Amino acid sequence: MLKYIYLCAYIEIIRKYSDAKLVLRAHNSEHEIWDRVIRNEKNPIKSSYLSYLNKKLKRFERSVINKVDLLLPISAKDMSNFMELGYKGIAHVMPIGIKSSNSEQLESNYKDHISFGFIGSLDWVPNQEGLTWFMEKIWKPFVKVNPTFTFNI
């Protein structure tokens, strides 16, 4: 399984030594994330350079997307983005999440203390921006009303 689009650079090598089916578990459409980063960039020189790199990234995504045997994006939006890039193979939206058939047990875990968490790489600009937005717009007002809740990063 290829977890990121960047690993698609190794498809030819993998195919040379293996006849395994290749599945791309696409956590997102990378060029779309960088489009947002570019829109938020205030430095015009940096914005121009990021735009140049992002065009190359989009070309790369387009060139490798049909080399996988199965595409598993995490959202319908990502599926749509890959289709717009020209993906023609087998695909299925497979959201991230856990379903529990034992909700009673889950409820008992939360009676004493409720905490929230963020698990992600903080060297990734979109994660930094998302966490900053969440802390300012969501967490600060929420914790004023719910002071016993905690948030772990």
Protein backbone atom coordinates (compact mmCIF):
# COMPACT_ATOMS: atom_id res chain seq x y z
CA MET A 1 0.00 0.00 0.00
CA LEU A 2 1.26 3.44 -0.92
CA LYS A 3 0.28 5.83 1.85
CA TYR A 4 1.22 9.09 0.14
CA ILE A 5 1.26 10.30 -3.45
CA TYR A 6 5.00 10.94 -3.09
CA LEU A 7 5.61 7.19 -2.82
CA CYS A 8 4.22 6.80 -6.33
CA ALA A 9 7.66 7.83 -7.57
CA TYR A 10 8.68 4.24 -6.72
CA ILE A 11 5.93 2.49 -8.69
CA GLU A 12 8.21 1.44 -11.57
CA ILE A 13 10.77 -0.04 -9.17
CA ILE A 14 8.05 -1.86 -7.21
CA ARG A 15 6.53 -3.24 -10.41
CA LYS A 16 9.98 -4.46 -11.53
CA TYR A 17 10.37 -6.64 -8.43
CA SER A 18 6.79 -7.45 -7.50
CA ASP A 19 3.47 -8.27 -9.10
CA ALA A 20 1.56 -7.12 -6.00
CA LYS A 21 -1.43 -4.88 -6.51
CA LEU A 22 -0.66 -1.27 -5.63
CA VAL A 23 -3.16 0.62 -3.53
CA LEU A 24 -2.87 4.36 -2.95
CA ARG A 25 -4.39 5.36 0.38
CA ALA A 26 -4.73 9.03 -0.48
CA HIS A 27 -5.03 11.17 2.61
CA ASN A 28 -5.56 14.20 0.42
CA SER A 29 -4.97 15.75 -2.93
CA GLU A 30 -1.58 17.33 -2.26
CA HIS A 31 -1.75 20.08 -4.86
CA GLU A 32 -5.07 21.27 -3.41
CA ILE A 33 -3.51 21.66 0.05
CA TRP A 34 -0.66 23.69 -1.43
CA ASP A 35 -3.18 25.84 -3.33
CA ARG A 36 -4.55 26.89 0.09
CA VAL A 37 -1.07 27.49 1.50
CA ILE A 38 -0.27 29.70 -1.51
CA ARG A 39 -3.50 31.68 -1.10
CA ASN A 40 -2.54 32.45 2.51
CA GLU A 41 1.07 33.38 1.73
CA LYS A 42 1.66 37.12 2.10
CA ASN A 43 5.19 37.21 0.65
CA PRO A 44 4.78 37.52 -3.16
CA ILE A 45 8.20 35.99 -3.87
CA LYS A 46 7.48 32.96 -1.70
CA SER A 47 3.99 32.70 -3.18
CA SER A 48 5.42 32.72 -6.70
CA TYR A 49 7.98 30.04 -5.85
CA LEU A 50 5.37 27.86 -4.11
CA SER A 51 3.09 28.25 -7.16
CA TYR A 52 5.90 27.04 -9.41
CA LEU A 53 6.52 23.99 -7.19
CA ASN A 54 2.80 23.29 -6.92
CA LYS A 55 2.40 23.19 -10.71
CA LYS A 56 5.14 20.55 -10.79
CA LEU A 57 3.41 18.63 -7.99
CA LYS A 58 0.09 18.69 -9.85
CA ARG A 59 1.81 17.38 -13.01
CA PHE A 60 3.39 14.63 -10.94
CA GLU A 61 0.04 13.67 -9.39
CA ARG A 62 -1.52 13.58 -12.84
CA SER A 63 1.32 11.47 -14.26
CA VAL A 64 1.22 8.74 -11.57
CA ILE A 65 -2.41 8.55 -10.48
CA ASN A 66 -3.42 5.97 -13.08
CA LYS A 67 -0.45 3.71 -12.31
CA VAL A 68 -2.05 2.35 -9.13
CA ASP A 69 -4.49 -0.56 -9.09
CA LEU A 70 -6.83 0.91 -6.50
CA LEU A 71 -7.35 4.40 -5.10
CA LEU A 72 -8.71 4.86 -1.57
CA PRO A 73 -9.22 8.58 -0.87
CA ILE A 74 -10.52 9.61 2.56
CA SER A 75 -13.25 11.94 1.30
CA ALA A 76 -15.62 12.47 -1.61
CA LYS A 77 -13.92 15.83 -2.19
CA ASP A 78 -10.56 14.12 -2.60
CA MET A 79 -12.16 11.53 -4.90
CA SER A 80 -13.52 14.38 -7.01
CA ASN A 81 -10.06 16.02 -7.13
CA PHE A 82 -8.45 12.78 -8.34
CA MET A 83 -11.16 12.34 -10.97
CA GLU A 84 -10.50 15.90 -12.16
CA LEU A 85 -6.82 14.96 -12.44
CA GLY A 86 -7.88 12.19 -14.79
CA TYR A 87 -8.05 9.11 -12.57
CA LYS A 88 -9.88 6.35 -14.44
CA GLY A 89 -9.30 3.25 -12.28
CA ILE A 90 -11.08 1.54 -9.43
CA ALA A 91 -11.66 3.77 -6.43
CA HIS A 92 -13.58 3.76 -3.19
CA VAL A 93 -13.94 6.54 -0.62
CA MET A 94 -12.69 5.15 2.69
CA PRO A 95 -12.99 7.74 5.48
CA ILE A 96 -10.72 7.71 8.48
CA GLY A 97 -12.55 6.70 11.63
CA ILE A 98 -13.44 3.99 14.03
CA LYS A 99 -16.91 2.56 14.47
CA SER A 100 -17.68 0.98 17.77
CA SER A 101 -20.43 -1.53 18.29
CA ASN A 102 -20.08 -1.17 22.04
CA SER A 103 -21.12 2.45 22.68
CA GLU A 104 -22.04 1.63 26.30
CA GLN A 105 -18.39 0.85 27.06
CA LEU A 106 -17.31 4.06 25.32
CA GLU A 107 -19.71 6.16 27.41
CA SER A 108 -18.32 4.73 30.65
CA ASN A 109 -14.82 5.78 29.59
CA TYR A 110 -15.92 9.42 29.35
CA LYS A 111 -17.82 9.88 32.58
CA ASP A 112 -14.82 10.98 34.63
CA HIS A 113 -12.86 13.17 32.26
CA ILE A 114 -13.20 14.16 28.63
CA SER A 115 -10.12 15.06 26.65
CA PHE A 116 -9.47 15.84 23.02
CA GLY A 117 -6.29 15.39 21.06
CA PHE A 118 -4.39 16.28 17.94
CA ILE A 119 -2.05 13.79 16.33
CA GLY A 120 -0.16 15.20 13.40
CA SER A 121 3.15 16.42 12.17
CA LEU A 122 3.81 19.99 13.24
CA ASP A 123 6.46 20.50 10.56
CA TRP A 124 3.62 20.42 7.98
CA VAL A 125 2.33 23.99 7.38
CA PRO A 126 -1.33 22.98 6.83
CA ASN A 127 -1.30 21.17 10.21
CA GLN A 128 0.18 24.25 11.89
CA GLU A 129 -2.46 26.49 10.30
CA GLY A 130 -5.28 24.09 11.16
CA LEU A 131 -4.18 23.72 14.77
CA THR A 132 -3.80 27.49 15.20
CA TRP A 133 -7.28 28.03 13.71
CA PHE A 134 -8.78 25.33 15.96
CA MET A 135 -7.16 26.71 19.12
CA GLU A 136 -8.27 30.28 18.43
CA LYS A 137 -11.72 29.79 16.91
CA ILE A 138 -12.97 26.59 18.53
CA TRP A 139 -11.01 25.59 21.61
CA LYS A 140 -10.80 28.95 23.44
CA PRO A 141 -14.58 29.58 23.37
CA PHE A 142 -15.31 25.89 24.05
CA VAL A 143 -13.06 25.56 27.10
CA LYS A 144 -14.53 28.74 28.65
CA VAL A 145 -17.86 26.90 28.83
CA ASN A 146 -16.27 23.50 29.60
CA PRO A 147 -13.23 24.24 31.81
CA THR A 148 -12.65 20.63 32.87
CA PHE A 149 -12.00 19.42 29.32
CA THR A 150 -8.40 19.09 28.13
CA PHE A 151 -6.73 19.18 24.74
CA ASN A 152 -3.52 17.26 24.12
CA ILE A 153 -1.17 17.92 21.22
